[in-house]
């Protein structure tokens, strides 16, 4: 008897399920009296008609509702110039991280100016002089900074007054500044891609963790739902934890992190989770139709 296969699909993903997932995770963290940080690794604009129609306004409302703590800027945030991102920045309640984005050439009279906004955490912004943000974790401090693609002008459409600085030099400078202040637990929020993140774990000393995007890399074993097992969750290189949580709001990453001596971190529990709901039916194909 020839082998037979059945194509099965599952309704999953979306901001409603993201919201429910992180609401529950945030409540659990509160019950355990531990801080909760929600980080976005960029490319939150493109991919749906919401951006085509609203140019980032809907995205801002949704991400504010999620309670995002910080977001690194992806290349798709600059697909149509700086203006949509500037309007997005004026609508969100969280900082945008891009330590190697130099906006000092922006004219002061520019109506969609990014430089000078207190939530723009870029290269030497007078309104936010630090190229990083700080989060209190008990008696300790965790620093978070962002890096964006240095070839942004080749793959997106930033305004001509935007300059992107070398990644390694910027990262080393930020880490050295933080260590000089006695801050050793450092998270890099990256939109550079998984392979680049893995290389940076070796190339940049002093990092604790890299939370990345851009390459849509899914860590963890999802073979049960037909997805290839690409990489182990929480891949550690040179004592640096490298994380990435997939793509298209289909998955969410959640990790309980322990702060160890000498700037090290460890994952006590967690993983990437395919976002489904209790009433999400499996769909099987019958002819040209998908039937619950």
C-alpha atoms as a PDB file:
ATOM      1  CA  UNK A   1       0.000   0.000   0.000  1.00  0.00           C
ATOM      2  CA  UNK A   2       1.558   3.308  -1.015  1.00  0.00           C
ATOM      3  CA  UNK A   3       2.392   5.838   1.676  1.00  0.00           C
ATOM      4  CA  UNK A   4      -0.292   8.464   2.154  1.00  0.00           C
ATOM      5  CA  UNK A   5       0.044  11.897   3.679  1.00  0.00           C
ATOM      6  CA  UNK A   6      -2.488  14.412   4.917  1.00  0.00           C
ATOM      7  CA  UNK A   7      -1.861  18.142   4.804  1.00  0.00           C
ATOM      8  CA  UNK A   8      -2.968  19.672   8.104  1.00  0.00           C
ATOM      9  CA  UNK A   9      -3.098  23.357   8.930  1.00  0.00           C
ATOM     10  CA  UNK A  10      -3.624  25.203  12.200  1.00  0.00           C
ATOM     11  CA  UNK A  11      -4.965  28.674  12.770  1.00  0.00           C
ATOM     12  CA  UNK A  12      -2.290  30.535  14.709  1.00  0.00           C
ATOM     13  CA  UNK A  13      -0.502  33.827  15.257  1.00  0.00           C
ATOM     14  CA  UNK A  14      -1.617  37.437  15.193  1.00  0.00           C
ATOM     15  CA  UNK A  15      -1.614  40.345  17.609  1.00  0.00           C
ATOM     16  CA  UNK A  16      -4.641  39.114  19.564  1.00  0.00           C
ATOM     17  CA  UNK A  17      -2.838  35.907  20.454  1.00  0.00           C
ATOM     18  CA  UNK A  18       0.401  37.831  21.084  1.00  0.00           C
ATOM     19  CA  UNK A  19      -1.494  40.085  23.476  1.00  0.00           C
ATOM     20  CA  UNK A  20      -3.072  37.179  25.349  1.00  0.00           C
ATOM     21  CA  UNK A  21       0.251  35.349  25.588  1.00  0.00           C
ATOM     22  CA  UNK A  22       2.205  38.302  26.965  1.00  0.00           C
ATOM     23  CA  UNK A  23      -0.609  39.397  29.261  1.00  0.00           C
ATOM     24  CA  UNK A  24      -0.470  35.985  30.919  1.00  0.00           C
ATOM     25  CA  UNK A  25       3.356  36.032  31.017  1.00  0.00           C
ATOM     26  CA  UNK A  26       3.393  39.518  32.524  1.00  0.00           C
ATOM     27  CA  UNK A  27       0.877  38.466  35.190  1.00  0.00           C
ATOM     28  CA  UNK A  28       2.991  35.436  36.066  1.00  0.00           C
ATOM     29  CA  UNK A  29       6.091  37.611  36.399  1.00  0.00           C
ATOM     30  CA  UNK A  30       4.177  39.962  38.689  1.00  0.00           C
ATOM     31  CA  UNK A  31       3.040  37.053  40.871  1.00  0.00           C
ATOM     32  CA  UNK A  32       6.657  35.913  41.146  1.00  0.00           C
ATOM     33  CA  UNK A  33       7.814  39.501  41.841  1.00  0.00           C
ATOM     34  CA  UNK A  34      10.280  39.506  38.949  1.00  0.00           C
ATOM     35  CA  UNK A  35      10.683  42.181  36.246  1.00  0.00           C
ATOM     36  CA  UNK A  36       9.230  41.582  32.789  1.00  0.00           C
ATOM     37  CA  UNK A  37      10.727  43.067  29.618  1.00  0.00           C
ATOM     38  CA  UNK A  38       9.144  42.802  26.173  1.00  0.00           C
ATOM     39  CA  UNK A  39      11.650  43.408  23.366  1.00  0.00           C
ATOM     40  CA  UNK A  40      10.878  43.749  19.657  1.00  0.00           C
ATOM     41  CA  UNK A  41      13.626  42.928  17.135  1.00  0.00           C
ATOM     42  CA  UNK A  42      12.314  45.139  14.325  1.00  0.00           C
ATOM     43  CA  UNK A  43      10.591  44.868  10.941  1.00  0.00           C
ATOM     44  CA  UNK A  44       7.234  45.574  12.540  1.00  0.00           C
ATOM     45  CA  UNK A  45       5.961  47.812   9.725  1.00  0.00           C
ATOM     46  CA  UNK A  46       5.719  45.812   6.513  1.00  0.00           C
ATOM     47  CA  UNK A  47       3.898  42.641   5.663  1.00  0.00           C
ATOM     48  CA  UNK A  48       0.221  43.559   5.997  1.00  0.00           C
ATOM     49  CA  UNK A  49      -2.305  46.004   4.604  1.00  0.00           C
ATOM     50  CA  UNK A  50      -2.245  47.769   7.983  1.00  0.00           C
ATOM     51  CA  UNK A  51       1.039  49.413   7.013  1.00  0.00           C
ATOM     52  CA  UNK A  52       0.073  49.960   3.380  1.00  0.00           C
ATOM     53  CA  UNK A  53      -3.028  51.843   4.519  1.00  0.00           C
ATOM     54  CA  UNK A  54      -1.944  53.528   7.757  1.00  0.00           C
ATOM     55  CA  UNK A  55       1.861  53.907   7.314  1.00  0.00           C
ATOM     56  CA  UNK A  56       2.710  52.792  10.859  1.00  0.00           C
ATOM     57  CA  UNK A  57      -0.137  54.389  12.814  1.00  0.00           C
ATOM     58  CA  UNK A  58      -1.945  51.087  13.380  1.00  0.00           C
ATOM     59  CA  UNK A  59       1.359  49.415  14.241  1.00  0.00           C
ATOM     60  CA  UNK A  60       2.018  52.033  16.921  1.00  0.00           C
ATOM     61  CA  UNK A  61      -1.367  51.478  18.556  1.00  0.00           C
ATOM     62  CA  UNK A  62      -0.975  47.711  18.534  1.00  0.00           C
ATOM     63  CA  UNK A  63       2.544  47.763  19.943  1.00  0.00           C
ATOM     64  CA  UNK A  64       1.595  50.248  22.645  1.00  0.00           C
ATOM     65  CA  UNK A  65      -1.229  47.902  23.595  1.00  0.00           C
ATOM     66  CA  UNK A  66       1.234  44.996  23.834  1.00  0.00           C
ATOM     67  CA  UNK A  67       3.363  46.977  26.285  1.00  0.00           C
ATOM     68  CA  UNK A  68       6.621  46.802  24.329  1.00  0.00           C
ATOM     69  CA  UNK A  69       9.594  48.010  26.388  1.00  0.00           C
ATOM     70  CA  UNK A  70      12.006  48.656  23.505  1.00  0.00           C
ATOM     71  CA  UNK A  71      12.287  48.055  19.766  1.00  0.00           C
ATOM     72  CA  UNK A  72      15.288  47.985  17.454  1.00  0.00           C
ATOM     73  CA  UNK A  73      14.782  49.529  14.020  1.00  0.00           C
ATOM     74  CA  UNK A  74      14.572  47.071  11.131  1.00  0.00           C
ATOM     75  CA  UNK A  75      15.193  47.766   7.475  1.00  0.00           C
ATOM     76  CA  UNK A  76      11.474  47.596   6.679  1.00  0.00           C
ATOM     77  CA  UNK A  77      10.880  50.540   9.013  1.00  0.00           C
ATOM     78  CA  UNK A  78      12.778  52.597   6.423  1.00  0.00           C
ATOM     79  CA  UNK A  79      11.338  51.159   3.219  1.00  0.00           C
ATOM     80  CA  UNK A  80       9.530  54.423   2.491  1.00  0.00           C
ATOM     81  CA  UNK A  81      11.942  56.926   4.022  1.00  0.00           C
ATOM     82  CA  UNK A  82      12.269  58.329   7.519  1.00  0.00           C
ATOM     83  CA  UNK A  83       8.903  60.092   7.696  1.00  0.00           C
ATOM     84  CA  UNK A  84       6.710  57.076   8.628  1.00  0.00           C
ATOM     85  CA  UNK A  85       9.208  56.110  11.345  1.00  0.00           C
ATOM     86  CA  UNK A  86       9.260  59.692  12.673  1.00  0.00           C
ATOM     87  CA  UNK A  87       5.468  59.678  12.911  1.00  0.00           C
ATOM     88  CA  UNK A  88       5.616  56.233  14.554  1.00  0.00           C
ATOM     89  CA  UNK A  89       8.160  57.559  17.079  1.00  0.00           C
ATOM     90  CA  UNK A  90       5.793  60.368  18.043  1.00  0.00           C
ATOM     91  CA  UNK A  91       3.015  57.847  18.722  1.00  0.00           C
ATOM     92  CA  UNK A  92       4.718  55.071  20.682  1.00  0.00           C
ATOM     93  CA  UNK A  93       5.402  54.875  24.409  1.00  0.00           C
ATOM     94  CA  UNK A  94       8.683  52.987  24.163  1.00  0.00           C
ATOM     95  CA  UNK A  95      12.211  53.791  22.910  1.00  0.00           C
ATOM     96  CA  UNK A  96      13.555  52.937  19.464  1.00  0.00           C
ATOM     97  CA  UNK A  97      17.108  51.606  19.647  1.00  0.00           C
ATOM     98  CA  UNK A  98      19.783  52.172  16.991  1.00  0.00           C
ATOM     99  CA  UNK A  99      23.170  52.929  18.542  1.00  0.00           C
ATOM    100  CA  UNK A 100      24.925  52.996  15.158  1.00  0.00           C
ATOM    101  CA  UNK A 101      22.430  55.317  13.409  1.00  0.00           C
ATOM    102  CA  UNK A 102      23.892  58.826  13.126  1.00  0.00           C
ATOM    103  CA  UNK A 103      21.153  61.419  12.643  1.00  0.00           C
ATOM    104  CA  UNK A 104      23.277  64.473  13.394  1.00  0.00           C
ATOM    105  CA  UNK A 105      22.974  65.705   9.789  1.00  0.00           C
ATOM    106  CA  UNK A 106      19.199  66.171  10.031  1.00  0.00           C
ATOM    107  CA  UNK A 107      18.233  69.847   9.554  1.00  0.00           C
ATOM    108  CA  UNK A 108      16.654  71.321  12.664  1.00  0.00           C
ATOM    109  CA  UNK A 109      13.754  72.594  10.587  1.00  0.00           C
ATOM    110  CA  UNK A 110      12.977  69.156   9.161  1.00  0.00           C
ATOM    111  CA  UNK A 111       9.311  68.407  10.006  1.00  0.00           C
ATOM    112  CA  UNK A 112       9.911  64.672  10.390  1.00  0.00           C
ATOM    113  CA  UNK A 113      13.079  64.977  12.457  1.00  0.00           C
ATOM    114  CA  UNK A 114      14.128  61.965  14.532  1.00  0.00           C
ATOM    115  CA  UNK A 115      17.131  63.568  16.205  1.00  0.00           C
ATOM    116  CA  UNK A 116      16.045  65.439  19.303  1.00  0.00           C
ATOM    117  CA  UNK A 117      13.254  63.065  20.357  1.00  0.00           C
ATOM    118  CA  UNK A 118      13.817  61.593  23.852  1.00  0.00           C
ATOM    119  CA  UNK A 119      12.739  58.099  22.764  1.00  0.00           C
ATOM    120  CA  UNK A 120      15.205  57.962  19.843  1.00  0.00           C
ATOM    121  CA  UNK A 121      18.153  56.039  21.310  1.00  0.00           C
ATOM    122  CA  UNK A 122      20.636  56.544  18.499  1.00  0.00           C
ATOM    123  CA  UNK A 123      24.191  57.785  18.036  1.00  0.00           C
ATOM    124  CA  UNK A 124      24.674  60.800  20.339  1.00  0.00           C
ATOM    125  CA  UNK A 125      21.153  62.199  20.346  1.00  0.00           C
ATOM    126  CA  UNK A 126      21.187  65.311  22.604  1.00  0.00           C
ATOM    127  CA  UNK A 127      17.680  64.468  23.837  1.00  0.00           C
ATOM    128  CA  UNK A 128      18.863  60.990  24.868  1.00  0.00           C
ATOM    129  CA  UNK A 129      22.669  61.170  25.215  1.00  0.00           C
ATOM    130  CA  UNK A 130      23.123  57.516  26.134  1.00  0.00           C
ATOM    131  CA  UNK A 131      23.119  55.006  23.277  1.00  0.00           C
ATOM    132  CA  UNK A 132      21.385  52.464  25.514  1.00  0.00           C
ATOM    133  CA  UNK A 133      18.591  52.165  28.044  1.00  0.00           C
ATOM    134  CA  UNK A 134      18.871  50.838  31.595  1.00  0.00           C
ATOM    135  CA  UNK A 135      16.479  48.500  33.413  1.00  0.00           C
ATOM    136  CA  UNK A 136      16.533  47.731  37.128  1.00  0.00           C
ATOM    137  CA  UNK A 137      16.501  44.052  38.102  1.00  0.00           C
ATOM    138  CA  UNK A 138      16.434  43.943  41.872  1.00  0.00           C
ATOM    139  CA  UNK A 139      19.687  45.488  43.054  1.00  0.00           C
ATOM    140  CA  UNK A 140      21.310  45.072  39.644  1.00  0.00           C
ATOM    141  CA  UNK A 141      21.082  46.959  36.354  1.00  0.00           C
ATOM    142  CA  UNK A 142      20.639  45.550  32.860  1.00  0.00           C
ATOM    143  CA  UNK A 143      21.598  47.654  29.844  1.00  0.00           C
ATOM    144  CA  UNK A 144      19.966  47.236  26.419  1.00  0.00           C
ATOM    145  CA  UNK A 145      21.251  48.763  23.190  1.00  0.00           C
ATOM    146  CA  UNK A 146      20.322  48.273  19.554  1.00  0.00           C
ATOM    147  CA  UNK A 147      22.251  47.789  16.336  1.00  0.00           C
ATOM    148  CA  UNK A 148      20.851  48.213  12.834  1.00  0.00           C
ATOM    149  CA  UNK A 149      22.141  47.090   9.458  1.00  0.00           C
ATOM    150  CA  UNK A 150      25.074  49.217   8.304  1.00  0.00           C
ATOM    151  CA  UNK A 151      24.093  48.667   4.646  1.00  0.00           C
ATOM    152  CA  UNK A 152      20.639  50.147   5.253  1.00  0.00           C
ATOM    153  CA  UNK A 153      21.003  52.520   2.285  1.00  0.00           C
ATOM    154  CA  UNK A 154      21.425  49.541  -0.036  1.00  0.00           C
ATOM    155  CA  UNK A 155      18.398  47.515   1.053  1.00  0.00           C
ATOM    156  CA  UNK A 156      15.959  50.208   2.250  1.00  0.00           C
ATOM    157  CA  UNK A 157      15.257  53.888   1.549  1.00  0.00           C
ATOM    158  CA  UNK A 158      16.420  56.026   4.497  1.00  0.00           C
ATOM    159  CA  UNK A 159      16.619  59.783   3.973  1.00  0.00           C
ATOM    160  CA  UNK A 160      19.930  61.098   2.611  1.00  0.00           C
ATOM    161  CA  UNK A 161      20.737  62.732   5.971  1.00  0.00           C
ATOM    162  CA  UNK A 162      20.997  59.296   7.631  1.00  0.00           C
ATOM    163  CA  UNK A 163      24.386  57.706   8.249  1.00  0.00           C
ATOM    164  CA  UNK A 164      24.988  54.203   9.577  1.00  0.00           C
ATOM    165  CA  UNK A 165      28.173  53.572  11.533  1.00  0.00           C
ATOM    166  CA  UNK A 166      30.282  50.398  11.667  1.00  0.00           C
ATOM    167  CA  UNK A 167      28.740  47.729  13.864  1.00  0.00           C
ATOM    168  CA  UNK A 168      31.797  46.319  15.628  1.00  0.00           C
ATOM    169  CA  UNK A 169      33.264  49.708  16.553  1.00  0.00           C
ATOM    170  CA  UNK A 170      29.918  50.956  17.832  1.00  0.00           C
ATOM    171  CA  UNK A 171      29.248  47.852  19.906  1.00  0.00           C
ATOM    172  CA  UNK A 172      32.704  47.828  21.457  1.00  0.00           C
ATOM    173  CA  UNK A 173      32.357  51.502  22.340  1.00  0.00           C
ATOM    174  CA  UNK A 174      28.955  51.030  23.989  1.00  0.00           C
ATOM    175  CA  UNK A 175      30.102  47.976  25.958  1.00  0.00           C
ATOM    176  CA  UNK A 176      33.247  49.774  27.149  1.00  0.00           C
ATOM    177  CA  UNK A 177      31.169  52.741  28.292  1.00  0.00           C
ATOM    178  CA  UNK A 178      28.817  50.478  30.245  1.00  0.00           C
ATOM    179  CA  UNK A 179      31.623  48.537  31.907  1.00  0.00           C
ATOM    180  CA  UNK A 180      33.213  51.836  32.919  1.00  0.00           C
ATOM    181  CA  UNK A 181      29.957  52.590  34.756  1.00  0.00           C
ATOM    182  CA  UNK A 182      30.046  49.191  36.467  1.00  0.00           C
ATOM    183  CA  UNK A 183      27.223  47.718  34.342  1.00  0.00           C
ATOM    184  CA  UNK A 184      28.097  44.225  33.144  1.00  0.00           C
ATOM    185  CA  UNK A 185      24.757  42.632  32.197  1.00  0.00           C
ATOM    186  CA  UNK A 186      24.245  43.822  28.625  1.00  0.00           C
ATOM    187  CA  UNK A 187      21.621  42.811  26.063  1.00  0.00           C
ATOM    188  CA  UNK A 188      22.111  43.599  22.396  1.00  0.00           C
ATOM    189  CA  UNK A 189      18.773  44.016  20.599  1.00  0.00           C
ATOM    190  CA  UNK A 190      19.841  43.279  17.052  1.00  0.00           C
ATOM    191  CA  UNK A 191      18.370  43.557  13.583  1.00  0.00           C
ATOM    192  CA  UNK A 192      21.387  42.068  11.856  1.00  0.00           C
ATOM    193  CA  UNK A 193      20.393  38.452  11.232  1.00  0.00           C
ATOM    194  CA  UNK A 194      21.086  35.204  13.039  1.00  0.00           C
ATOM    195  CA  UNK A 195      24.442  34.372  11.452  1.00  0.00           C
ATOM    196  CA  UNK A 196      25.737  37.880  12.145  1.00  0.00           C
ATOM    197  CA  UNK A 197      24.486  37.666  15.740  1.00  0.00           C
ATOM    198  CA  UNK A 198      26.389  34.412  16.209  1.00  0.00           C
ATOM    199  CA  UNK A 199      29.561  36.010  14.867  1.00  0.00           C
ATOM    200  CA  UNK A 200      29.108  39.047  17.114  1.00  0.00           C
ATOM    201  CA  UNK A 201      28.968  36.762  20.151  1.00  0.00           C
ATOM    202  CA  UNK A 202      32.590  35.943  19.372  1.00  0.00           C
ATOM    203  CA  UNK A 203      33.681  39.324  18.041  1.00  0.00           C
ATOM    204  CA  UNK A 204      32.366  41.602  20.816  1.00  0.00           C
ATOM    205  CA  UNK A 205      33.520  41.003  24.357  1.00  0.00           C
ATOM    206  CA  UNK A 206      31.252  41.758  27.291  1.00  0.00           C
ATOM    207  CA  UNK A 207      27.820  40.910  25.884  1.00  0.00           C
ATOM    208  CA  UNK A 208      25.441  38.802  27.964  1.00  0.00           C
ATOM    209  CA  UNK A 209      22.673  38.146  25.443  1.00  0.00           C
ATOM    210  CA  UNK A 210      21.687  38.939  21.866  1.00  0.00           C
ATOM    211  CA  UNK A 211      17.984  39.121  20.975  1.00  0.00           C
ATOM    212  CA  UNK A 212      17.808  39.268  17.205  1.00  0.00           C
ATOM    213  CA  UNK A 213      15.647  39.544  14.118  1.00  0.00           C
ATOM    214  CA  UNK A 214      15.881  40.097  10.349  1.00  0.00           C
ATOM    215  CA  UNK A 215      16.454  36.491   9.217  1.00  0.00           C
ATOM    216  CA  UNK A 216      13.177  35.084  10.645  1.00  0.00           C
ATOM    217  CA  UNK A 217      15.127  32.338  12.377  1.00  0.00           C
ATOM    218  CA  UNK A 218      13.052  30.003  14.523  1.00  0.00           C
ATOM    219  CA  UNK A 219      14.826  28.342  17.430  1.00  0.00           C
ATOM    220  CA  UNK A 220      13.406  25.200  18.968  1.00  0.00           C
ATOM    221  CA  UNK A 221      11.875  21.938  17.801  1.00  0.00           C
ATOM    222  CA  UNK A 222       8.640  22.507  15.858  1.00  0.00           C
ATOM    223  CA  UNK A 223       8.829  19.333  13.786  1.00  0.00           C
ATOM    224  CA  UNK A 224       5.473  18.207  15.226  1.00  0.00           C
ATOM    225  CA  UNK A 225       3.767  20.986  13.251  1.00  0.00           C
ATOM    226  CA  UNK A 226       5.830  20.486  10.124  1.00  0.00           C
ATOM    227  CA  UNK A 227       8.497  23.141  10.669  1.00  0.00           C
ATOM    228  CA  UNK A 228      12.145  22.261  10.296  1.00  0.00           C
ATOM    229  CA  UNK A 229      14.198  22.167  13.460  1.00  0.00           C
ATOM    230  CA  UNK A 230      16.670  24.900  12.528  1.00  0.00           C
ATOM    231  CA  UNK A 231      18.491  25.812  15.727  1.00  0.00           C
ATOM    232  CA  UNK A 232      18.304  24.973  19.439  1.00  0.00           C
ATOM    233  CA  UNK A 233      16.577  27.500  21.651  1.00  0.00           C
ATOM    234  CA  UNK A 234      18.937  29.744  23.569  1.00  0.00           C
ATOM    235  CA  UNK A 235      21.992  28.904  21.487  1.00  0.00           C
ATOM    236  CA  UNK A 236      25.063  29.922  23.533  1.00  0.00           C
ATOM    237  CA  UNK A 237      28.305  31.067  21.927  1.00  0.00           C
ATOM    238  CA  UNK A 238      31.282  32.294  23.954  1.00  0.00           C
ATOM    239  CA  UNK A 239      28.983  32.499  27.021  1.00  0.00           C
ATOM    240  CA  UNK A 240      26.599  34.792  25.083  1.00  0.00           C
ATOM    241  CA  UNK A 241      22.990  33.621  24.721  1.00  0.00           C
ATOM    242  CA  UNK A 242      21.682  34.180  21.172  1.00  0.00           C
ATOM    243  CA  UNK A 243      17.886  34.271  20.753  1.00  0.00           C
ATOM    244  CA  UNK A 244      15.509  34.704  17.842  1.00  0.00           C
ATOM    245  CA  UNK A 245      11.780  33.988  17.766  1.00  0.00           C
ATOM    246  CA  UNK A 246      10.673  33.329  14.210  1.00  0.00           C
ATOM    247  CA  UNK A 247       8.528  35.590  12.047  1.00  0.00           C
ATOM    248  CA  UNK A 248       5.147  37.117  11.186  1.00  0.00           C
ATOM    249  CA  UNK A 249       3.818  37.128  14.780  1.00  0.00           C
ATOM    250  CA  UNK A 250       3.334  33.367  14.531  1.00  0.00           C
ATOM    251  CA  UNK A 251       5.561  32.649  17.517  1.00  0.00           C
ATOM    252  CA  UNK A 252       6.515  34.351  20.760  1.00  0.00           C
ATOM    253  CA  UNK A 253       9.678  33.949  22.764  1.00  0.00           C
ATOM    254  CA  UNK A 254       9.608  33.788  26.540  1.00  0.00           C
ATOM    255  CA  UNK A 255      12.587  33.181  28.787  1.00  0.00           C
ATOM    256  CA  UNK A 256      13.174  33.364  32.516  1.00  0.00           C
ATOM    257  CA  UNK A 257      16.676  34.780  32.835  1.00  0.00           C
ATOM    258  CA  UNK A 258      19.053  34.524  35.781  1.00  0.00           C
ATOM    259  CA  UNK A 259      21.742  37.186  36.224  1.00  0.00           C
ATOM    260  CA  UNK A 260      25.065  35.550  37.079  1.00  0.00           C
ATOM    261  CA  UNK A 261      28.387  37.055  38.211  1.00  0.00           C
ATOM    262  CA  UNK A 262      30.718  38.758  35.720  1.00  0.00           C
ATOM    263  CA  UNK A 263      27.924  39.799  33.391  1.00  0.00           C
ATOM    264  CA  UNK A 264      26.779  36.291  32.524  1.00  0.00           C
ATOM    265  CA  UNK A 265      23.159  35.225  32.076  1.00  0.00           C
ATOM    266  CA  UNK A 266      21.442  31.854  31.974  1.00  0.00           C
ATOM    267  CA  UNK A 267      18.003  30.714  30.868  1.00  0.00           C
ATOM    268  CA  UNK A 268      16.239  28.963  33.745  1.00  0.00           C
ATOM    269  CA  UNK A 269      13.112  28.189  31.715  1.00  0.00           C
ATOM    270  CA  UNK A 270      11.486  29.191  28.458  1.00  0.00           C
ATOM    271  CA  UNK A 271      11.358  28.716  24.726  1.00  0.00           C
ATOM    272  CA  UNK A 272       9.601  29.805  21.579  1.00  0.00           C
ATOM    273  CA  UNK A 273       5.864  29.142  21.477  1.00  0.00           C
ATOM    274  CA  UNK A 274       3.594  28.720  18.477  1.00  0.00           C
ATOM    275  CA  UNK A 275       0.665  31.028  19.158  1.00  0.00           C
ATOM    276  CA  UNK A 276      -2.608  29.132  19.059  1.00  0.00           C
ATOM    277  CA  UNK A 277      -5.786  29.382  21.083  1.00  0.00           C
ATOM    278  CA  UNK A 278      -7.883  26.746  22.791  1.00  0.00           C
ATOM    279  CA  UNK A 279     -10.587  26.945  20.137  1.00  0.00           C
ATOM    280  CA  UNK A 280      -8.228  27.058  17.137  1.00  0.00           C
ATOM    281  CA  UNK A 281      -9.283  24.051  15.030  1.00  0.00           C
ATOM    282  CA  UNK A 282      -6.949  21.935  12.960  1.00  0.00           C
ATOM    283  CA  UNK A 283      -7.839  22.228   9.293  1.00  0.00           C
ATOM    284  CA  UNK A 284      -7.527  19.323   6.874  1.00  0.00           C
ATOM    285  CA  UNK A 285      -7.744  19.634   3.123  1.00  0.00           C
ATOM    286  CA  UNK A 286     -10.581  18.004   1.220  1.00  0.00           C
ATOM    287  CA  UNK A 287     -10.292  18.778  -2.435  1.00  0.00           C
ATOM    288  CA  UNK A 288      -9.886  22.528  -2.750  1.00  0.00           C
ATOM    289  CA  UNK A 289     -11.402  23.246   0.664  1.00  0.00           C
ATOM    290  CA  UNK A 290      -9.970  23.375   4.197  1.00  0.00           C
ATOM    291  CA  UNK A 291     -12.341  21.738   6.664  1.00  0.00           C
ATOM    292  CA  UNK A 292     -12.180  22.020  10.521  1.00  0.00           C
END
